[in-house]
Amino acid sequence: MINTTPHNRKIVVFGATGDVGREVVSEALLRGYQVTAIAREIAKLSALPDIVARQSIDILANPEIVAEVLADHDVAVSALRPATGQETLLPEMTRVLLDAARQCKTPIFVTGGAATLKLADGSGHTVLSAPDFLPGSVRPIAEACQQVDILFDQYDDVRWTCLRPPAMLIPGEKTRNYVRGTDTLVTDHDGVARISFADFGVAMVDLVDAGFEAGISNPQRLTVGYQLQVAAA
């Protein structure tokens, strides 16, 4: 059962108006967190519930403000995704957040990408390296996510968790049923690796909750996905 009792834990969500960010905000509110939503466009922030504190920040232009924000929160979540054509900005945007987390000693949970996850077929290929696995249109963001993944190794003194989505992150219902993995795609009964934005948000806040319950852990890379069982005929 989810604890929806209000508490004093403060969470800040960067990229709060995107598909993942909105779901993280919604789930964190449901669990009683005090939520601050960060995005560059103030107009998009206005669509969030009134209970959410909102702040418009261009984190590349104002990195010093990021540290100030993190210092006032117990935990941070990054759901950043640059606009199409600006994918190469993602590593530097993530670096700003990790630098701030290091300065403030604030735990940070980052939405990664599937690029570095191994395929479940045992071939040894990753999502990015497998021939013909990715459509050309998504390779730029996949390559940017790979650079972010490499970046984490420079921050072993920061309490970070990178949650990587499966190959398909899609609209859909919130089921709260998913399987957690580490370095390999979690595939469903039909061999497809997928999860809804809503359940990915659930998985992210589950990790935040677990971190508070157990003491925020050492750096870790994880993934999630559906793994439904097919009823016998």
C-alpha atoms as a PDB file:
ATOM      1  CA  MET A   1       0.000   0.000   0.000  1.00  0.00           C
ATOM      2  CA  ILE A   2       1.346   3.433  -0.903  1.00  0.00           C
ATOM      3  CA  ASN A   3       1.813   5.894   1.916  1.00  0.00           C
ATOM      4  CA  THR A   4       0.016   9.073   0.885  1.00  0.00           C
ATOM      5  CA  THR A   5       0.510  10.848   4.227  1.00  0.00           C
ATOM      6  CA  PRO A   6       2.157  14.245   3.738  1.00  0.00           C
ATOM      7  CA  HIS A   7       5.733  14.357   5.028  1.00  0.00           C
ATOM      8  CA  ASN A   8       8.613  16.777   5.094  1.00  0.00           C
ATOM      9  CA  ARG A   9      10.664  15.204   2.312  1.00  0.00           C
ATOM     10  CA  LYS A  10      11.281  17.608  -0.524  1.00  0.00           C
ATOM     11  CA  ILE A  11      11.893  16.364  -4.061  1.00  0.00           C
ATOM     12  CA  VAL A  12      12.888  18.472  -7.064  1.00  0.00           C
ATOM     13  CA  VAL A  13      12.177  17.188 -10.576  1.00  0.00           C
ATOM     14  CA  PHE A  14      14.147  18.578 -13.519  1.00  0.00           C
ATOM     15  CA  GLY A  15      12.441  18.203 -16.887  1.00  0.00           C
ATOM     16  CA  ALA A  16       9.143  18.112 -15.018  1.00  0.00           C
ATOM     17  CA  THR A  17       6.961  18.910 -18.053  1.00  0.00           C
ATOM     18  CA  GLY A  18       8.136  16.017 -20.229  1.00  0.00           C
ATOM     19  CA  ASP A  19       6.513  12.596 -20.570  1.00  0.00           C
ATOM     20  CA  VAL A  20       8.572  11.050 -17.759  1.00  0.00           C
ATOM     21  CA  GLY A  21       8.829  14.179 -15.636  1.00  0.00           C
ATOM     22  CA  ARG A  22       5.071  14.663 -15.426  1.00  0.00           C
ATOM     23  CA  GLU A  23       4.622  11.083 -14.251  1.00  0.00           C
ATOM     24  CA  VAL A  24       7.330  11.431 -11.600  1.00  0.00           C
ATOM     25  CA  VAL A  25       5.694  14.625 -10.326  1.00  0.00           C
ATOM     26  CA  SER A  26       2.273  12.940 -10.223  1.00  0.00           C
ATOM     27  CA  GLU A  27       3.545   9.861  -8.397  1.00  0.00           C
ATOM     28  CA  ALA A  28       5.615  11.859  -5.916  1.00  0.00           C
ATOM     29  CA  LEU A  29       2.571  13.991  -5.064  1.00  0.00           C
ATOM     30  CA  LEU A  30       0.510  10.854  -4.558  1.00  0.00           C
ATOM     31  CA  ARG A  31       3.047   9.653  -2.015  1.00  0.00           C
ATOM     32  CA  GLY A  32       3.039  12.883  -0.055  1.00  0.00           C
ATOM     33  CA  TYR A  33       6.286  14.491  -1.199  1.00  0.00           C
ATOM     34  CA  GLN A  34       6.674  18.236  -1.363  1.00  0.00           C
ATOM     35  CA  VAL A  35       7.439  18.637  -5.065  1.00  0.00           C
ATOM     36  CA  THR A  36       9.312  21.360  -6.908  1.00  0.00           C
ATOM     37  CA  ALA A  37       9.072  21.186 -10.702  1.00  0.00           C
ATOM     38  CA  ILE A  38      11.838  22.635 -12.870  1.00  0.00           C
ATOM     39  CA  ALA A  39      11.605  23.320 -16.596  1.00  0.00           C
ATOM     40  CA  ARG A  40      12.865  25.970 -18.989  1.00  0.00           C
ATOM     41  CA  GLU A  41       9.432  27.038 -20.291  1.00  0.00           C
ATOM     42  CA  ILE A  42       7.276  28.643 -17.626  1.00  0.00           C
ATOM     43  CA  ALA A  43       4.117  28.218 -19.703  1.00  0.00           C
ATOM     44  CA  LYS A  44       4.401  24.432 -19.571  1.00  0.00           C
ATOM     45  CA  LEU A  45       4.951  24.510 -15.812  1.00  0.00           C
ATOM     46  CA  SER A  46       1.631  26.303 -15.364  1.00  0.00           C
ATOM     47  CA  ALA A  47      -0.188  23.136 -16.419  1.00  0.00           C
ATOM     48  CA  LEU A  48       1.004  21.261 -13.309  1.00  0.00           C
ATOM     49  CA  PRO A  49      -1.171  21.024 -10.170  1.00  0.00           C
ATOM     50  CA  ASP A  50      -1.270  24.135  -7.993  1.00  0.00           C
ATOM     51  CA  ILE A  51       0.271  22.270  -5.067  1.00  0.00           C
ATOM     52  CA  VAL A  52       3.541  21.939  -6.995  1.00  0.00           C
ATOM     53  CA  ALA A  53       6.197  24.615  -6.498  1.00  0.00           C
ATOM     54  CA  ARG A  54       7.416  25.682  -9.948  1.00  0.00           C
ATOM     55  CA  GLN A  55      10.603  27.314 -11.172  1.00  0.00           C
ATOM     56  CA  SER A  56      11.793  28.107 -14.675  1.00  0.00           C
ATOM     57  CA  ILE A  57      15.557  27.554 -15.064  1.00  0.00           C
ATOM     58  CA  ASP A  58      17.849  27.296 -18.065  1.00  0.00           C
ATOM     59  CA  ILE A  59      20.342  25.036 -16.317  1.00  0.00           C
ATOM     60  CA  LEU A  60      23.117  25.503 -18.878  1.00  0.00           C
ATOM     61  CA  ALA A  61      22.897  29.275 -18.625  1.00  0.00           C
ATOM     62  CA  ASN A  62      22.470  29.345 -14.826  1.00  0.00           C
ATOM     63  CA  PRO A  63      24.256  26.351 -13.265  1.00  0.00           C
ATOM     64  CA  GLU A  64      24.759  28.201  -9.977  1.00  0.00           C
ATOM     65  CA  ILE A  65      20.991  28.290  -9.459  1.00  0.00           C
ATOM     66  CA  VAL A  66      20.844  24.501  -9.814  1.00  0.00           C
ATOM     67  CA  ALA A  67      23.114  24.075  -6.791  1.00  0.00           C
ATOM     68  CA  GLU A  68      20.958  26.488  -4.790  1.00  0.00           C
ATOM     69  CA  VAL A  69      17.845  24.469  -5.645  1.00  0.00           C
ATOM     70  CA  LEU A  70      19.407  21.121  -4.764  1.00  0.00           C
ATOM     71  CA  ALA A  71      20.654  22.482  -1.444  1.00  0.00           C
ATOM     72  CA  ASP A  72      17.025  23.120  -0.469  1.00  0.00           C
ATOM     73  CA  HIS A  73      15.793  19.604  -1.298  1.00  0.00           C
ATOM     74  CA  ASP A  74      16.280  16.114   0.085  1.00  0.00           C
ATOM     75  CA  VAL A  75      16.508  14.427  -3.299  1.00  0.00           C
ATOM     76  CA  ALA A  76      16.580  15.311  -7.006  1.00  0.00           C
ATOM     77  CA  VAL A  77      15.214  13.531 -10.056  1.00  0.00           C
ATOM     78  CA  SER A  78      16.346  14.301 -13.595  1.00  0.00           C
ATOM     79  CA  ALA A  79      13.911  13.598 -16.424  1.00  0.00           C
ATOM     80  CA  LEU A  80      15.752  15.872 -18.855  1.00  0.00           C
ATOM     81  CA  ARG A  81      15.379  15.322 -22.595  1.00  0.00           C
ATOM     82  CA  PRO A  82      16.543  18.021 -25.041  1.00  0.00           C
ATOM     83  CA  ALA A  83      14.418  18.972 -28.012  1.00  0.00           C
ATOM     84  CA  THR A  84      14.922  17.169 -31.310  1.00  0.00           C
ATOM     85  CA  GLY A  85      18.090  18.479 -32.928  1.00  0.00           C
ATOM     86  CA  GLN A  86      19.617  19.440 -29.576  1.00  0.00           C
ATOM     87  CA  GLU A  87      20.353  15.947 -28.266  1.00  0.00           C
ATOM     88  CA  THR A  88      24.084  16.673 -27.878  1.00  0.00           C
ATOM     89  CA  LEU A  89      23.225  19.054 -25.011  1.00  0.00           C
ATOM     90  CA  LEU A  90      22.133  16.190 -22.755  1.00  0.00           C
ATOM     91  CA  PRO A  91      25.583  15.196 -21.397  1.00  0.00           C
ATOM     92  CA  GLU A  92      26.424  18.778 -20.418  1.00  0.00           C
ATOM     93  CA  MET A  93      22.977  19.287 -18.862  1.00  0.00           C
ATOM     94  CA  THR A  94      23.471  16.129 -16.830  1.00  0.00           C
ATOM     95  CA  ARG A  95      26.959  17.256 -15.822  1.00  0.00           C
ATOM     96  CA  VAL A  96      25.468  20.452 -14.354  1.00  0.00           C
ATOM     97  CA  LEU A  97      23.114  18.377 -12.199  1.00  0.00           C
ATOM     98  CA  LEU A  98      25.836  15.965 -11.081  1.00  0.00           C
ATOM     99  CA  ASP A  99      28.164  18.843 -10.213  1.00  0.00           C
ATOM    100  CA  ALA A 100      25.395  20.393  -8.120  1.00  0.00           C
ATOM    101  CA  ALA A 101      24.648  17.060  -6.454  1.00  0.00           C
ATOM    102  CA  ARG A 102      28.332  16.695  -5.601  1.00  0.00           C
ATOM    103  CA  GLN A 103      28.476  20.215  -4.170  1.00  0.00           C
ATOM    104  CA  CYS A 104      25.303  19.820  -2.101  1.00  0.00           C
ATOM    105  CA  LYS A 105      25.657  16.097  -1.308  1.00  0.00           C
ATOM    106  CA  THR A 106      22.088  15.636  -2.544  1.00  0.00           C
ATOM    107  CA  PRO A 107      21.109  12.169  -3.842  1.00  0.00           C
ATOM    108  CA  ILE A 108      20.081  12.277  -7.504  1.00  0.00           C
ATOM    109  CA  PHE A 109      18.061   9.850  -9.619  1.00  0.00           C
ATOM    110  CA  VAL A 110      18.612  10.245 -13.346  1.00  0.00           C
ATOM    111  CA  THR A 111      16.477   9.042 -16.238  1.00  0.00           C
ATOM    112  CA  GLY A 112      19.018   7.394 -18.519  1.00  0.00           C
ATOM    113  CA  GLY A 113      18.601   5.793 -21.915  1.00  0.00           C
ATOM    114  CA  ALA A 114      18.455   2.223 -23.177  1.00  0.00           C
ATOM    115  CA  ALA A 115      21.511   2.695 -25.415  1.00  0.00           C
ATOM    116  CA  THR A 116      23.980   0.798 -23.239  1.00  0.00           C
ATOM    117  CA  LEU A 117      21.646  -2.036 -22.223  1.00  0.00           C
ATOM    118  CA  LYS A 118      22.493  -5.470 -23.603  1.00  0.00           C
ATOM    119  CA  LEU A 119      19.996  -7.290 -25.773  1.00  0.00           C
ATOM    120  CA  ALA A 120      18.282 -10.227 -24.103  1.00  0.00           C
ATOM    121  CA  ASP A 121      19.276 -12.596 -26.932  1.00  0.00           C
ATOM    122  CA  GLY A 122      22.746 -13.244 -25.527  1.00  0.00           C
ATOM    123  CA  SER A 123      24.469 -11.743 -28.577  1.00  0.00           C
ATOM    124  CA  GLY A 124      26.491  -9.330 -26.464  1.00  0.00           C
ATOM    125  CA  HIS A 125      25.213  -6.409 -28.502  1.00  0.00           C
ATOM    126  CA  THR A 126      23.762  -3.353 -26.822  1.00  0.00           C
ATOM    127  CA  VAL A 127      20.731  -1.429 -28.016  1.00  0.00           C
ATOM    128  CA  LEU A 128      23.089   1.048 -29.674  1.00  0.00           C
ATOM    129  CA  SER A 129      25.580  -1.423 -31.152  1.00  0.00           C
ATOM    130  CA  ALA A 130      23.130  -4.014 -32.521  1.00  0.00           C
ATOM    131  CA  PRO A 131      22.794  -3.777 -36.327  1.00  0.00           C
ATOM    132  CA  ASP A 132      19.439  -2.377 -37.467  1.00  0.00           C
ATOM    133  CA  PHE A 133      17.987  -2.380 -33.954  1.00  0.00           C
ATOM    134  CA  LEU A 134      17.443   1.354 -33.655  1.00  0.00           C
ATOM    135  CA  PRO A 135      15.712   3.544 -36.242  1.00  0.00           C
ATOM    136  CA  GLY A 136      17.937   6.349 -37.454  1.00  0.00           C
ATOM    137  CA  SER A 137      15.613   8.958 -35.979  1.00  0.00           C
ATOM    138  CA  VAL A 138      16.419   7.950 -32.396  1.00  0.00           C
ATOM    139  CA  ARG A 139      20.152   7.364 -32.769  1.00  0.00           C
ATOM    140  CA  PRO A 140      21.070  10.957 -31.795  1.00  0.00           C
ATOM    141  CA  ILE A 141      19.381  10.705 -28.400  1.00  0.00           C
ATOM    142  CA  ALA A 142      20.723   7.164 -27.927  1.00  0.00           C
ATOM    143  CA  GLU A 143      24.266   8.355 -28.594  1.00  0.00           C
ATOM    144  CA  ALA A 144      23.772  11.256 -26.180  1.00  0.00           C
ATOM    145  CA  CYS A 145      22.518   8.842 -23.519  1.00  0.00           C
ATOM    146  CA  GLN A 146      25.596   6.683 -24.060  1.00  0.00           C
ATOM    147  CA  GLN A 147      27.771   9.724 -23.344  1.00  0.00           C
ATOM    148  CA  VAL A 148      25.767  10.386 -20.194  1.00  0.00           C
ATOM    149  CA  ASP A 149      26.336   6.796 -19.103  1.00  0.00           C
ATOM    150  CA  ILE A 150      30.092   7.267 -19.504  1.00  0.00           C
ATOM    151  CA  LEU A 151      29.888  10.550 -17.598  1.00  0.00           C
ATOM    152  CA  PHE A 152      28.638   8.845 -14.441  1.00  0.00           C
ATOM    153  CA  ASP A 153      32.010   7.163 -13.934  1.00  0.00           C
ATOM    154  CA  GLN A 154      33.475  10.578 -13.095  1.00  0.00           C
ATOM    155  CA  TYR A 155      31.095  10.926 -10.141  1.00  0.00           C
ATOM    156  CA  ASP A 156      31.697   7.930  -7.895  1.00  0.00           C
ATOM    157  CA  ASP A 157      31.583  10.322  -4.918  1.00  0.00           C
ATOM    158  CA  VAL A 158      27.975  11.298  -5.733  1.00  0.00           C
ATOM    159  CA  ARG A 159      24.959   9.286  -4.603  1.00  0.00           C
ATOM    160  CA  TRP A 160      23.448   8.792  -8.055  1.00  0.00           C
ATOM    161  CA  THR A 161      21.095   6.193  -9.493  1.00  0.00           C
ATOM    162  CA  CYS A 162      20.594   5.935 -13.245  1.00  0.00           C
ATOM    163  CA  LEU A 163      17.294   4.300 -14.182  1.00  0.00           C
ATOM    164  CA  ARG A 164      17.379   3.273 -17.840  1.00  0.00           C
ATOM    165  CA  PRO A 165      14.100   2.659 -19.660  1.00  0.00           C
ATOM    166  CA  PRO A 166      13.554  -0.338 -21.919  1.00  0.00           C
ATOM    167  CA  ALA A 167      13.721  -0.038 -25.694  1.00  0.00           C
ATOM    168  CA  MET A 168      10.104   1.159 -25.841  1.00  0.00           C
ATOM    169  CA  LEU A 169       8.929   3.873 -23.454  1.00  0.00           C
ATOM    170  CA  ILE A 170       5.323   4.436 -24.440  1.00  0.00           C
ATOM    171  CA  PRO A 171       1.984   5.940 -23.407  1.00  0.00           C
ATOM    172  CA  GLY A 172      -0.159   3.580 -21.380  1.00  0.00           C
ATOM    173  CA  GLU A 173      -1.874   2.859 -18.102  1.00  0.00           C
ATOM    174  CA  LYS A 174      -0.300   2.770 -14.667  1.00  0.00           C
ATOM    175  CA  THR A 175      -0.237  -0.874 -13.605  1.00  0.00           C
ATOM    176  CA  ARG A 176       2.463  -0.720 -10.897  1.00  0.00           C
ATOM    177  CA  ASN A 177       3.646  -4.114 -12.168  1.00  0.00           C
ATOM    178  CA  TYR A 178       7.162  -4.206 -13.573  1.00  0.00           C
ATOM    179  CA  VAL A 179      10.442  -6.083 -13.223  1.00  0.00           C
ATOM    180  CA  ARG A 180      13.735  -4.459 -12.319  1.00  0.00           C
ATOM    181  CA  GLY A 181      17.018  -5.395 -13.991  1.00  0.00           C
ATOM    182  CA  THR A 182      20.602  -4.170 -14.235  1.00  0.00           C
ATOM    183  CA  ASP A 183      22.516  -4.213 -17.542  1.00  0.00           C
ATOM    184  CA  THR A 184      20.206  -6.207 -19.854  1.00  0.00           C
ATOM    185  CA  LEU A 185      16.844  -5.296 -21.377  1.00  0.00           C
ATOM    186  CA  VAL A 186      13.893  -6.653 -19.411  1.00  0.00           C
ATOM    187  CA  THR A 187      11.673  -8.237 -22.048  1.00  0.00           C
ATOM    188  CA  ASP A 188       8.011  -9.146 -21.958  1.00  0.00           C
ATOM    189  CA  HIS A 189       6.490 -12.521 -22.885  1.00  0.00           C
ATOM    190  CA  ASP A 190       6.689 -11.586 -26.567  1.00  0.00           C
ATOM    191  CA  GLY A 191      10.348 -10.600 -26.437  1.00  0.00           C
ATOM    192  CA  VAL A 192       9.646  -6.850 -26.534  1.00  0.00           C
ATOM    193  CA  ALA A 193      11.225  -4.542 -23.943  1.00  0.00           C
ATOM    194  CA  ARG A 194       8.700  -1.881 -22.974  1.00  0.00           C
ATOM    195  CA  ILE A 195       7.051   0.062 -20.174  1.00  0.00           C
ATOM    196  CA  SER A 196       4.593   2.944 -20.001  1.00  0.00           C
ATOM    197  CA  PHE A 197       5.680   6.446 -19.021  1.00  0.00           C
ATOM    198  CA  ALA A 198       3.332   6.101 -16.042  1.00  0.00           C
ATOM    199  CA  ASP A 199       4.924   2.909 -14.742  1.00  0.00           C
ATOM    200  CA  PHE A 200       8.409   4.258 -15.386  1.00  0.00           C
ATOM    201  CA  GLY A 201       7.462   7.166 -13.108  1.00  0.00           C
ATOM    202  CA  VAL A 202       6.270   4.650 -10.520  1.00  0.00           C
ATOM    203  CA  ALA A 203       9.569   2.759 -10.765  1.00  0.00           C
ATOM    204  CA  MET A 204      11.566   5.966 -10.312  1.00  0.00           C
ATOM    205  CA  VAL A 205       9.670   7.021  -7.186  1.00  0.00           C
ATOM    206  CA  ASP A 206       9.874   3.453  -5.854  1.00  0.00           C
ATOM    207  CA  LEU A 207      13.668   3.818  -6.003  1.00  0.00           C
ATOM    208  CA  VAL A 208      13.523   7.170  -4.242  1.00  0.00           C
ATOM    209  CA  ASP A 209      11.357   5.674  -1.498  1.00  0.00           C
ATOM    210  CA  ALA A 210      13.662   2.673  -1.156  1.00  0.00           C
ATOM    211  CA  GLY A 211      16.633   4.988  -0.918  1.00  0.00           C
ATOM    212  CA  PHE A 212      15.142   6.832   2.026  1.00  0.00           C
ATOM    213  CA  GLU A 213      14.142   3.600   3.756  1.00  0.00           C
ATOM    214  CA  ALA A 214      17.540   1.927   3.392  1.00  0.00           C
ATOM    215  CA  GLY A 215      19.788   4.979   3.325  1.00  0.00           C
ATOM    216  CA  ILE A 216      20.538   6.256  -0.178  1.00  0.00           C
ATOM    217  CA  SER A 217      22.845   3.682  -1.721  1.00  0.00           C
ATOM    218  CA  ASN A 218      26.082   3.842  -3.661  1.00  0.00           C
ATOM    219  CA  PRO A 219      26.027   4.720  -7.381  1.00  0.00           C
ATOM    220  CA  GLN A 220      24.023   2.212  -9.411  1.00  0.00           C
ATOM    221  CA  ARG A 221      22.668   1.640 -12.920  1.00  0.00           C
ATOM    222  CA  LEU A 222      19.311  -0.117 -13.208  1.00  0.00           C
ATOM    223  CA  THR A 223      16.556  -0.732 -15.729  1.00  0.00           C
ATOM    224  CA  VAL A 224      12.913  -1.786 -15.658  1.00  0.00           C
ATOM    225  CA  GLY A 225      10.331  -3.309 -17.970  1.00  0.00           C
ATOM    226  CA  TYR A 226       7.192  -5.355 -18.179  1.00  0.00           C
ATOM    227  CA  GLN A 227       7.419  -9.128 -17.852  1.00  0.00           C
ATOM    228  CA  LEU A 228       3.868 -10.377 -17.982  1.00  0.00           C
ATOM    229  CA  GLN A 229       3.011 -14.027 -17.750  1.00  0.00           C
ATOM    230  CA  VAL A 230       0.840 -15.619 -20.421  1.00  0.00           C
ATOM    231  CA  ALA A 231      -1.924 -17.813 -19.024  1.00  0.00           C
ATOM    232  CA  ALA A 232      -1.762 -21.445 -20.066  1.00  0.00           C
ATOM    233  CA  ALA A 233      -4.289 -22.483 -22.686  1.00  0.00           C
END
